[in-house]
């Protein structure tokens, strides 16, 4: 699978994770860093299964 850079930000009520260079909106969240990362990985997998691998072509 192609590697995707993910930005994870800490907020006062948890963490938010967003993949970079993906067509569409994919976001993960969690109380801890690892939860946010796991959530965004799951959301990205679903996004690719639903819309196809072209969402990763980098032409956002």
N, C-alpha and C. Protein backbone atom coordinates (compact mmCIF):
# COMPACT_ATOMS: atom_id res chain seq x y z
N UNK A 1 0.83 -1.18 0.00
CA UNK A 1 0.00 0.00 0.00
C UNK A 1 0.88 1.24 0.00
N UNK A 2 0.41 2.28 -0.64
CA UNK A 2 1.13 3.55 -0.69
C UNK A 2 1.17 4.20 0.69
N UNK A 3 2.28 4.82 1.00
CA UNK A 3 2.40 5.52 2.29
C UNK A 3 1.72 6.88 2.19
N UNK A 4 1.07 7.26 3.26
CA UNK A 4 0.38 8.54 3.34
C UNK A 4 0.85 9.26 4.60
N UNK A 5 1.25 10.51 4.44
CA UNK A 5 1.66 11.31 5.60
C UNK A 5 0.41 11.72 6.37
N UNK A 6 0.47 11.62 7.69
CA UNK A 6 -0.65 11.97 8.56
C UNK A 6 -0.18 13.03 9.54
N UNK A 7 -0.97 14.09 9.66
CA UNK A 7 -0.70 15.13 10.65
C UNK A 7 -1.63 14.90 11.83
N UNK A 8 -1.04 14.81 13.02
CA UNK A 8 -1.83 14.61 14.23
C UNK A 8 -1.61 15.82 15.13
N UNK A 9 -2.71 16.46 15.50
CA UNK A 9 -2.65 17.65 16.35
C UNK A 9 -3.25 17.35 17.72
N UNK A 10 -2.59 17.87 18.74
CA UNK A 10 -3.12 17.73 20.10
C UNK A 10 -4.01 18.94 20.39
N UNK A 11 -5.22 18.66 20.87
CA UNK A 11 -6.16 19.69 21.27
C UNK A 11 -6.49 19.50 22.74
N UNK A 12 -7.16 20.44 23.32
CA UNK A 12 -7.45 20.36 24.76
C UNK A 12 -8.31 19.15 25.12
N UNK A 13 -9.09 18.64 24.17
CA UNK A 13 -9.95 17.50 24.47
C UNK A 13 -9.56 16.22 23.75
N UNK A 14 -8.34 16.15 23.22
CA UNK A 14 -7.86 14.93 22.56
C UNK A 14 -7.00 15.23 21.36
N UNK A 15 -6.96 14.28 20.43
CA UNK A 15 -6.11 14.39 19.25
C UNK A 15 -6.96 14.28 17.98
N UNK A 16 -6.54 15.01 16.94
CA UNK A 16 -7.19 14.95 15.62
C UNK A 16 -6.13 14.59 14.60
N UNK A 17 -6.45 13.64 13.72
CA UNK A 17 -5.50 13.18 12.71
C UNK A 17 -6.09 13.38 11.32
N UNK A 18 -5.27 13.93 10.40
CA UNK A 18 -5.70 14.18 9.03
C UNK A 18 -4.60 13.71 8.07
N UNK A 19 -4.95 12.87 7.09
CA UNK A 19 -3.96 12.47 6.10
C UNK A 19 -3.73 13.60 5.09
N UNK A 20 -2.52 13.68 4.57
CA UNK A 20 -2.13 14.72 3.62
C UNK A 20 -2.18 14.16 2.20
N UNK A 21 -2.71 14.95 1.26
CA UNK A 21 -2.69 14.57 -0.15
C UNK A 21 -3.74 13.55 -0.55
N UNK A 22 -4.86 13.55 0.16
CA UNK A 22 -5.94 12.61 -0.15
C UNK A 22 -7.13 13.41 -0.66
N UNK A 23 -7.72 12.96 -1.77
CA UNK A 23 -8.92 13.61 -2.28
C UNK A 23 -10.08 13.30 -1.35
N UNK A 24 -10.82 14.31 -0.96
CA UNK A 24 -11.93 14.14 -0.04
C UNK A 24 -11.50 14.44 1.38
N UNK A 25 -12.42 14.27 2.28
CA UNK A 25 -12.15 14.59 3.68
C UNK A 25 -12.08 13.30 4.49
N UNK A 26 -10.94 13.11 5.15
CA UNK A 26 -10.74 11.96 6.01
C UNK A 26 -10.15 12.48 7.32
N UNK A 27 -10.78 12.16 8.43
CA UNK A 27 -10.33 12.64 9.74
C UNK A 27 -10.47 11.52 10.75
N UNK A 28 -9.51 11.46 11.66
CA UNK A 28 -9.58 10.54 12.78
C UNK A 28 -9.46 11.31 14.07
N UNK A 29 -9.95 10.74 15.16
CA UNK A 29 -9.83 11.41 16.45
C UNK A 29 -9.68 10.38 17.55
N UNK A 30 -9.16 10.85 18.68
CA UNK A 30 -9.01 9.96 19.81
C UNK A 30 -8.56 10.71 21.05
N UNK A 31 -8.72 10.08 22.18
CA UNK A 31 -8.30 10.68 23.44
C UNK A 31 -6.78 10.69 23.57
N UNK A 32 -6.13 9.70 22.93
CA UNK A 32 -4.67 9.63 22.95
C UNK A 32 -4.17 9.54 21.52
N UNK A 33 -2.90 9.83 21.32
CA UNK A 33 -2.26 9.85 20.01
C UNK A 33 -2.53 8.56 19.23
N UNK A 34 -2.31 7.44 19.88
CA UNK A 34 -2.45 6.15 19.20
C UNK A 34 -3.89 5.89 18.73
N UNK A 35 -4.87 6.33 19.51
CA UNK A 35 -6.27 6.18 19.12
C UNK A 35 -6.58 7.00 17.87
N UNK A 36 -6.08 8.22 17.82
CA UNK A 36 -6.30 9.08 16.66
C UNK A 36 -5.65 8.48 15.42
N UNK A 37 -4.45 7.94 15.56
CA UNK A 37 -3.77 7.32 14.44
C UNK A 37 -4.53 6.09 13.94
N UNK A 38 -4.95 5.25 14.85
CA UNK A 38 -5.71 4.05 14.47
C UNK A 38 -7.03 4.43 13.81
N UNK A 39 -7.69 5.45 14.33
CA UNK A 39 -8.97 5.89 13.78
C UNK A 39 -8.82 6.43 12.36
N UNK A 40 -7.79 7.24 12.13
CA UNK A 40 -7.59 7.79 10.78
C UNK A 40 -7.16 6.70 9.80
N UNK A 41 -6.41 5.71 10.27
CA UNK A 41 -6.04 4.59 9.39
C UNK A 41 -7.29 3.82 8.96
N UNK A 42 -8.20 3.60 9.88
CA UNK A 42 -9.45 2.91 9.58
C UNK A 42 -10.30 3.74 8.62
N UNK A 43 -10.39 5.03 8.87
CA UNK A 43 -11.18 5.92 8.01
C UNK A 43 -10.59 5.99 6.61
N UNK A 44 -9.27 6.02 6.51
CA UNK A 44 -8.61 6.08 5.21
C UNK A 44 -8.82 4.78 4.44
N UNK A 45 -8.75 3.66 5.13
CA UNK A 45 -9.01 2.36 4.48
C UNK A 45 -10.43 2.33 3.91
N UNK A 46 -11.40 2.77 4.69
CA UNK A 46 -12.79 2.82 4.23
C UNK A 46 -12.93 3.77 3.03
N UNK A 47 -12.28 4.91 3.09
CA UNK A 47 -12.32 5.91 2.02
C UNK A 47 -11.80 5.32 0.71
N UNK A 48 -10.68 4.61 0.78
CA UNK A 48 -10.08 3.99 -0.41
C UNK A 48 -10.98 2.87 -0.94
N UNK A 49 -11.53 2.06 -0.04
CA UNK A 49 -12.43 0.98 -0.47
C UNK A 49 -13.69 1.54 -1.14
N UNK A 50 -14.17 2.68 -0.66
CA UNK A 50 -15.40 3.27 -1.18
C UNK A 50 -15.18 4.00 -2.50
N UNK A 51 -14.11 4.80 -2.58
CA UNK A 51 -13.91 5.68 -3.74
C UNK A 51 -12.80 5.23 -4.67
N UNK A 52 -12.05 4.20 -4.28
CA UNK A 52 -11.00 3.67 -5.14
C UNK A 52 -9.64 4.30 -4.85
N UNK A 53 -8.59 3.65 -5.36
CA UNK A 53 -7.21 4.09 -5.08
C UNK A 53 -6.84 5.43 -5.71
N UNK A 54 -7.67 5.94 -6.62
CA UNK A 54 -7.37 7.24 -7.23
C UNK A 54 -7.41 8.38 -6.23
N UNK A 55 -8.01 8.17 -5.05
CA UNK A 55 -8.03 9.23 -4.03
C UNK A 55 -6.63 9.51 -3.50
N UNK A 56 -5.68 8.62 -3.80
CA UNK A 56 -4.30 8.78 -3.32
C UNK A 56 -3.35 9.30 -4.39
N UNK A 57 -3.87 9.77 -5.50
CA UNK A 57 -2.96 10.14 -6.60
C UNK A 57 -2.24 11.46 -6.38
N UNK A 58 -2.52 12.14 -5.27
CA UNK A 58 -1.79 13.36 -4.96
C UNK A 58 -2.27 14.60 -5.69
N UNK A 59 -3.30 14.50 -6.50
CA UNK A 59 -3.83 15.66 -7.22
C UNK A 59 -5.05 16.19 -6.50
N UNK A 60 -4.81 16.78 -5.36
CA UNK A 60 -5.89 17.28 -4.51
C UNK A 60 -6.30 18.65 -4.99
